[in-house]
Each structure stands twice: as C-alpha cells, then as structure tokens.
C-alpha cells in the first residue's frame, strides 16, 4: 500500500491550496481516508475524513466551512481543498487510510485507527 501526498506549499493568509493523495495497492472503495496535520512538539491533529463508499465526511471545528475533502474513484485519489487559509493552518499534512470504522463513528476519525500513512506535505501560511 502506498499513499502519495502532494500539493503543499507556501501561501499568504486568505489564500487557497489543494492537497492530493494518490492511493495504490488497496481496494479504494473499501477504505476511509483522512487528512491529519502536525506541528513540531504537538500530536497529530485530525482535520477531515471521508468514507470512499458513501462519501460521508467529518471535519474538525477548526476547518469546517473552509476545507473540503473529496475523492476521485477513477483516479484513486483523495483531495483536500483548503480555502481561507490562516497562519494557524501551518503544519505538515498527512493523508491516511483505514477500513475498520466508518467516519460517521467518531473512532473512525482518530489517528490510531488508521493503518496506512503518506509521507506528509508541508503547508505554510504567512500572515
């Protein structure tokens, strides 16, 4: 299994970025996918999650209304559209996959249930 994240970069506050996560080696429709982020000295924070089967989604309070998670089944890719970016969004963003729990269940949004992780992509938002 491989998750390849891309799309990070440097942007000014108020700007937008779109992260992509290309998944291979797994049955895409059977998995839930999540985006998490981490800053130095802190734990991994959940950002957004989605069931590829029924498109149910979860968003953290800090990003709801600004970020959108989606999937492209034909390309086995998960996206995170990030709008109205704030300096507090600066972090390394990771995509992850798991098939244990639906994201409707809060446990399905917790990092410890995710089995596969991508390499991370840096997002830096300047004020």
C-alpha atoms as a PDB file:
ATOM      1  CA  UNK A   1       0.000   0.000   0.000  1.00  0.00           C
ATOM      2  CA  UNK A   2       1.245   3.444  -0.871  1.00  0.00           C
ATOM      3  CA  UNK A   3      -0.208   6.876  -0.183  1.00  0.00           C
ATOM      4  CA  UNK A   4       1.497   9.703  -2.044  1.00  0.00           C
ATOM      5  CA  UNK A   5       0.616  13.181  -0.795  1.00  0.00           C
ATOM      6  CA  UNK A   6       1.321  16.339  -2.773  1.00  0.00           C
ATOM      7  CA  UNK A   7       0.183  19.919  -3.213  1.00  0.00           C
ATOM      8  CA  UNK A   8       1.624  21.623  -0.176  1.00  0.00           C
ATOM      9  CA  UNK A   9       3.384  24.937  -0.400  1.00  0.00           C
ATOM     10  CA  UNK A  10       3.655  28.496   0.790  1.00  0.00           C
ATOM     11  CA  UNK A  11       0.636  30.802   0.655  1.00  0.00           C
ATOM     12  CA  UNK A  12      -0.475  34.070   2.206  1.00  0.00           C
ATOM     13  CA  UNK A  13      -3.328  34.217   4.673  1.00  0.00           C
ATOM     14  CA  UNK A  14      -6.656  34.113   2.892  1.00  0.00           C
ATOM     15  CA  UNK A  15      -5.261  32.049   0.062  1.00  0.00           C
ATOM     16  CA  UNK A  16      -6.037  28.511  -1.077  1.00  0.00           C
ATOM     17  CA  UNK A  17      -4.240  25.243  -1.647  1.00  0.00           C
ATOM     18  CA  UNK A  18      -5.381  21.838  -2.853  1.00  0.00           C
ATOM     19  CA  UNK A  19      -3.741  18.749  -1.442  1.00  0.00           C
ATOM     20  CA  UNK A  20      -3.866  15.416  -3.264  1.00  0.00           C
ATOM     21  CA  UNK A  21      -3.277  11.902  -2.000  1.00  0.00           C
ATOM     22  CA  UNK A  22      -2.844   9.157  -4.593  1.00  0.00           C
ATOM     23  CA  UNK A  23      -3.591   5.707  -3.165  1.00  0.00           C
ATOM     24  CA  UNK A  24      -2.317   2.438  -4.614  1.00  0.00           C
ATOM     25  CA  UNK A  25      -2.260  -1.199  -3.540  1.00  0.00           C
ATOM     26  CA  UNK A  26      -5.631  -1.205  -1.782  1.00  0.00           C
ATOM     27  CA  UNK A  27      -9.324  -1.531  -2.776  1.00  0.00           C
ATOM     28  CA  UNK A  28     -10.132   2.172  -2.755  1.00  0.00           C
ATOM     29  CA  UNK A  29     -13.892   1.818  -2.244  1.00  0.00           C
ATOM     30  CA  UNK A  30     -13.404  -0.256   0.919  1.00  0.00           C
ATOM     31  CA  UNK A  31     -11.458   2.396   2.763  1.00  0.00           C
ATOM     32  CA  UNK A  32     -11.978   5.575   4.684  1.00  0.00           C
ATOM     33  CA  UNK A  33      -9.402   8.282   4.204  1.00  0.00           C
ATOM     34  CA  UNK A  34      -8.321  11.087   6.429  1.00  0.00           C
ATOM     35  CA  UNK A  35      -6.180  14.183   6.424  1.00  0.00           C
ATOM     36  CA  UNK A  36      -4.258  14.931   9.594  1.00  0.00           C
ATOM     37  CA  UNK A  37      -1.753  17.630  10.411  1.00  0.00           C
ATOM     38  CA  UNK A  38       1.086  18.060  12.817  1.00  0.00           C
ATOM     39  CA  UNK A  39       3.283  20.886  14.041  1.00  0.00           C
ATOM     40  CA  UNK A  40       6.560  20.404  15.909  1.00  0.00           C
ATOM     41  CA  UNK A  41       6.049  19.493  19.550  1.00  0.00           C
ATOM     42  CA  UNK A  42       2.380  18.595  19.182  1.00  0.00           C
ATOM     43  CA  UNK A  43       0.414  15.473  18.421  1.00  0.00           C
ATOM     44  CA  UNK A  44      -1.205  14.649  15.131  1.00  0.00           C
ATOM     45  CA  UNK A  45      -4.489  16.563  14.727  1.00  0.00           C
ATOM     46  CA  UNK A  46      -7.373  15.233  12.667  1.00  0.00           C
ATOM     47  CA  UNK A  47      -8.563  17.640  10.003  1.00  0.00           C
ATOM     48  CA  UNK A  48     -11.053  15.890   7.695  1.00  0.00           C
ATOM     49  CA  UNK A  49     -12.101  12.331   6.893  1.00  0.00           C
ATOM     50  CA  UNK A  50     -14.255  10.648   4.263  1.00  0.00           C
ATOM     51  CA  UNK A  51     -15.721   7.224   3.520  1.00  0.00           C
ATOM     52  CA  UNK A  52     -14.944   6.473  -0.110  1.00  0.00           C
ATOM     53  CA  UNK A  53     -18.003   4.201  -0.305  1.00  0.00           C
ATOM     54  CA  UNK A  54     -20.762   6.611   0.741  1.00  0.00           C
ATOM     55  CA  UNK A  55     -18.953   9.977   0.825  1.00  0.00           C
ATOM     56  CA  UNK A  56     -19.822  10.592   4.464  1.00  0.00           C
ATOM     57  CA  UNK A  57     -17.448  13.204   5.824  1.00  0.00           C
ATOM     58  CA  UNK A  58     -16.066  14.573   9.059  1.00  0.00           C
ATOM     59  CA  UNK A  59     -14.454  17.973   9.651  1.00  0.00           C
ATOM     60  CA  UNK A  60     -12.764  19.347  12.712  1.00  0.00           C
ATOM     61  CA  UNK A  61     -14.263  22.523  14.139  1.00  0.00           C
ATOM     62  CA  UNK A  62     -11.161  24.486  13.190  1.00  0.00           C
ATOM     63  CA  UNK A  63     -11.553  23.826   9.453  1.00  0.00           C
ATOM     64  CA  UNK A  64     -15.275  23.276   8.938  1.00  0.00           C
ATOM     65  CA  UNK A  65     -16.594  25.690   6.319  1.00  0.00           C
ATOM     66  CA  UNK A  66     -13.099  26.393   4.928  1.00  0.00           C
ATOM     67  CA  UNK A  67     -11.809  22.947   3.920  1.00  0.00           C
ATOM     68  CA  UNK A  68     -13.462  20.319   1.720  1.00  0.00           C
ATOM     69  CA  UNK A  69     -12.450  16.669   1.468  1.00  0.00           C
ATOM     70  CA  UNK A  70     -13.402  14.666  -1.627  1.00  0.00           C
ATOM     71  CA  UNK A  71     -12.440  11.598  -3.617  1.00  0.00           C
ATOM     72  CA  UNK A  72     -11.971  10.694  -7.267  1.00  0.00           C
ATOM     73  CA  UNK A  73     -12.615   6.964  -7.515  1.00  0.00           C
ATOM     74  CA  UNK A  74     -11.411   6.745 -11.098  1.00  0.00           C
ATOM     75  CA  UNK A  75      -8.016   8.060 -10.024  1.00  0.00           C
ATOM     76  CA  UNK A  76      -7.909   6.510  -6.523  1.00  0.00           C
ATOM     77  CA  UNK A  77      -7.167   9.959  -5.188  1.00  0.00           C
ATOM     78  CA  UNK A  78      -8.294  11.909  -2.145  1.00  0.00           C
ATOM     79  CA  UNK A  79      -8.300  15.710  -2.178  1.00  0.00           C
ATOM     80  CA  UNK A  80      -8.324  18.390   0.473  1.00  0.00           C
ATOM     81  CA  UNK A  81      -9.364  21.788  -0.837  1.00  0.00           C
ATOM     82  CA  UNK A  82      -8.228  24.420   1.653  1.00  0.00           C
ATOM     83  CA  UNK A  83      -9.672  27.911   1.362  1.00  0.00           C
ATOM     84  CA  UNK A  84      -9.372  30.996   3.547  1.00  0.00           C
ATOM     85  CA  UNK A  85      -6.133  29.693   4.955  1.00  0.00           C
ATOM     86  CA  UNK A  86      -4.895  31.067   8.251  1.00  0.00           C
ATOM     87  CA  UNK A  87      -1.401  31.083   9.790  1.00  0.00           C
ATOM     88  CA  UNK A  88      -2.720  28.557  12.330  1.00  0.00           C
ATOM     89  CA  UNK A  89      -3.149  26.078   9.459  1.00  0.00           C
ATOM     90  CA  UNK A  90       0.622  25.888   9.040  1.00  0.00           C
ATOM     91  CA  UNK A  91       1.659  22.254   9.545  1.00  0.00           C
ATOM     92  CA  UNK A  92       2.787  19.093   7.841  1.00  0.00           C
ATOM     93  CA  UNK A  93      -0.310  17.459   6.380  1.00  0.00           C
ATOM     94  CA  UNK A  94      -0.609  13.685   6.169  1.00  0.00           C
ATOM     95  CA  UNK A  95      -3.118  11.512   4.384  1.00  0.00           C
ATOM     96  CA  UNK A  96      -4.071   8.168   5.866  1.00  0.00           C
ATOM     97  CA  UNK A  97      -6.305   5.171   5.156  1.00  0.00           C
ATOM     98  CA  UNK A  98      -8.241   2.639   7.247  1.00  0.00           C
ATOM     99  CA  UNK A  99     -11.021   0.138   6.730  1.00  0.00           C
ATOM    100  CA  UNK A 100     -12.009  -0.600  10.325  1.00  0.00           C
ATOM    101  CA  UNK A 101     -14.595   2.092  11.020  1.00  0.00           C
ATOM    102  CA  UNK A 102     -16.886   4.473   9.196  1.00  0.00           C
ATOM    103  CA  UNK A 103     -16.086   8.142   9.744  1.00  0.00           C
ATOM    104  CA  UNK A 104     -19.667   8.516  10.984  1.00  0.00           C
ATOM    105  CA  UNK A 105     -18.338   6.802  14.090  1.00  0.00           C
ATOM    106  CA  UNK A 106     -16.047   9.245  15.885  1.00  0.00           C
ATOM    107  CA  UNK A 107     -13.499   6.477  16.386  1.00  0.00           C
ATOM    108  CA  UNK A 108     -13.224   6.320  12.601  1.00  0.00           C
ATOM    109  CA  UNK A 109     -11.693   9.805  12.660  1.00  0.00           C
ATOM    110  CA  UNK A 110      -8.986   9.106  15.217  1.00  0.00           C
ATOM    111  CA  UNK A 111      -5.392   8.731  14.069  1.00  0.00           C
ATOM    112  CA  UNK A 112      -4.769   5.484  15.929  1.00  0.00           C
ATOM    113  CA  UNK A 113      -7.240   3.512  13.778  1.00  0.00           C
ATOM    114  CA  UNK A 114      -5.524   4.480  10.525  1.00  0.00           C
ATOM    115  CA  UNK A 115      -3.306   1.728   9.173  1.00  0.00           C
ATOM    116  CA  UNK A 116      -1.542   3.431   6.290  1.00  0.00           C
ATOM    117  CA  UNK A 117       0.072   6.854   6.145  1.00  0.00           C
ATOM    118  CA  UNK A 118       1.556   9.000   3.435  1.00  0.00           C
ATOM    119  CA  UNK A 119       4.838  10.865   3.728  1.00  0.00           C
ATOM    120  CA  UNK A 120       3.437  14.296   4.565  1.00  0.00           C
ATOM    121  CA  UNK A 121       3.409  17.591   2.705  1.00  0.00           C
ATOM    122  CA  UNK A 122       4.291  20.952   4.242  1.00  0.00           C
ATOM    123  CA  UNK A 123       1.757  23.787   4.233  1.00  0.00           C
ATOM    124  CA  UNK A 124       2.971  27.208   5.329  1.00  0.00           C
ATOM    125  CA  UNK A 125       0.595  30.160   5.639  1.00  0.00           C
ATOM    126  CA  UNK A 126       2.088  33.593   6.187  1.00  0.00           C
ATOM    127  CA  UNK A 127       0.256  36.407   7.934  1.00  0.00           C
END
